[in-house]
Amino acid sequence: MASLDEQILRATKEIVVKFIEAGRISPTGFHEAFKSIYATVEASAKKNGTQGTPQNTAGSAPDSR
């Protein structure tokens, strides 16, 4: 399994690539956007620790049929 720092870097890279594909980040704003996204992902990951796979907190309660 990859280290936490490596996972943070990979997640940041994936997010930045999606933003570039969507036209939300231009080459001139890449540096600042990458730093900001990295800091956000890092803060979130380190806040949650190494609890494993993130839980789906946005889903609805199971059906009680």
C-alpha atoms as a PDB file:
ATOM      1  CA  MET A   1       0.000   0.000   0.000  1.00  0.00           C
ATOM      2  CA  ALA A   2       1.227   3.465  -0.829  1.00  0.00           C
ATOM      3  CA  SER A   3       2.196   5.915   1.864  1.00  0.00           C
ATOM      4  CA  LEU A   4      -0.273   8.599   2.874  1.00  0.00           C
ATOM      5  CA  ASP A   5       1.804  11.306   1.175  1.00  0.00           C
ATOM      6  CA  GLU A   6       1.838   9.321  -2.066  1.00  0.00           C
ATOM      7  CA  GLN A   7      -1.941   8.838  -1.896  1.00  0.00           C
ATOM      8  CA  ILE A   8      -2.415  12.576  -1.312  1.00  0.00           C
ATOM      9  CA  LEU A   9      -0.250  13.375  -4.340  1.00  0.00           C
ATOM     10  CA  ARG A  10      -2.137  10.885  -6.539  1.00  0.00           C
ATOM     11  CA  ALA A  11      -5.542  12.212  -5.454  1.00  0.00           C
ATOM     12  CA  THR A  12      -4.413  15.782  -6.087  1.00  0.00           C
ATOM     13  CA  LYS A  13      -3.112  14.831  -9.525  1.00  0.00           C
ATOM     14  CA  GLU A  14      -6.413  13.177 -10.448  1.00  0.00           C
ATOM     15  CA  ILE A  15      -8.415  16.218  -9.318  1.00  0.00           C
ATOM     16  CA  VAL A  16      -6.161  18.642 -11.206  1.00  0.00           C
ATOM     17  CA  VAL A  17      -6.355  16.531 -14.372  1.00  0.00           C
ATOM     18  CA  LYS A  18     -10.170  16.547 -14.185  1.00  0.00           C
ATOM     19  CA  PHE A  19     -10.178  20.335 -13.720  1.00  0.00           C
ATOM     20  CA  ILE A  20      -7.859  20.770 -16.717  1.00  0.00           C
ATOM     21  CA  GLU A  21     -10.055  18.499 -18.850  1.00  0.00           C
ATOM     22  CA  ALA A  22     -13.118  20.505 -17.823  1.00  0.00           C
ATOM     23  CA  GLY A  23     -11.359  23.776 -18.645  1.00  0.00           C
ATOM     24  CA  ARG A  24     -11.490  25.032 -15.046  1.00  0.00           C
ATOM     25  CA  ILE A  25      -7.700  25.412 -14.734  1.00  0.00           C
ATOM     26  CA  SER A  26      -5.535  27.124 -17.330  1.00  0.00           C
ATOM     27  CA  PRO A  27      -1.791  26.579 -17.708  1.00  0.00           C
ATOM     28  CA  THR A  28      -1.133  30.021 -16.213  1.00  0.00           C
ATOM     29  CA  GLY A  29      -3.098  29.232 -13.059  1.00  0.00           C
ATOM     30  CA  PHE A  30      -1.847  25.662 -12.651  1.00  0.00           C
ATOM     31  CA  HIS A  31       0.770  26.373  -9.982  1.00  0.00           C
ATOM     32  CA  GLU A  32      -1.564  28.136  -7.573  1.00  0.00           C
ATOM     33  CA  ALA A  33      -4.429  25.717  -8.214  1.00  0.00           C
ATOM     34  CA  PHE A  34      -2.218  22.673  -7.580  1.00  0.00           C
ATOM     35  CA  LYS A  35      -0.910  24.108  -4.305  1.00  0.00           C
ATOM     36  CA  SER A  36      -4.415  24.931  -3.126  1.00  0.00           C
ATOM     37  CA  ILE A  37      -5.874  21.552  -4.070  1.00  0.00           C
ATOM     38  CA  TYR A  38      -2.920  19.697  -2.534  1.00  0.00           C
ATOM     39  CA  ALA A  39      -3.295  21.606   0.739  1.00  0.00           C
ATOM     40  CA  THR A  40      -7.014  20.834   0.871  1.00  0.00           C
ATOM     41  CA  VAL A  41      -6.552  17.122   0.145  1.00  0.00           C
ATOM     42  CA  GLU A  42      -3.691  16.903   2.634  1.00  0.00           C
ATOM     43  CA  ALA A  43      -5.655  18.631   5.399  1.00  0.00           C
ATOM     44  CA  SER A  44      -8.642  16.381   4.797  1.00  0.00           C
ATOM     45  CA  ALA A  45      -6.574  13.187   4.705  1.00  0.00           C
ATOM     46  CA  LYS A  46      -4.598  14.038   7.812  1.00  0.00           C
ATOM     47  CA  LYS A  47      -7.713  15.200   9.662  1.00  0.00           C
ATOM     48  CA  ASN A  48      -9.370  11.850   8.982  1.00  0.00           C
ATOM     49  CA  GLY A  49      -6.185   9.913   9.644  1.00  0.00           C
ATOM     50  CA  THR A  50      -5.703   6.490   8.159  1.00  0.00           C
ATOM     51  CA  GLN A  51      -9.232   5.205   8.643  1.00  0.00           C
ATOM     52  CA  GLY A  52      -9.180   3.376   5.323  1.00  0.00           C
ATOM     53  CA  THR A  53     -11.809   3.848   2.662  1.00  0.00           C
ATOM     54  CA  PRO A  54     -13.927   6.990   3.077  1.00  0.00           C
ATOM     55  CA  GLN A  55     -17.477   6.357   4.197  1.00  0.00           C
ATOM     56  CA  ASN A  56     -20.477   7.455   2.137  1.00  0.00           C
ATOM     57  CA  THR A  57     -22.090  10.002   4.429  1.00  0.00           C
ATOM     58  CA  ALA A  58     -24.269  11.525   1.731  1.00  0.00           C
ATOM     59  CA  GLY A  59     -26.300   8.396   1.044  1.00  0.00           C
ATOM     60  CA  SER A  60     -29.739   7.676   2.380  1.00  0.00           C
ATOM     61  CA  ALA A  61     -30.615   5.166   5.059  1.00  0.00           C
ATOM     62  CA  PRO A  62     -31.125   1.565   3.966  1.00  0.00           C
ATOM     63  CA  ASP A  63     -34.592   0.547   2.896  1.00  0.00           C
ATOM     64  CA  SER A  64     -36.525  -1.152   5.708  1.00  0.00           C
ATOM     65  CA  ARG A  65     -38.756  -3.380   3.567  1.00  0.00           C
END
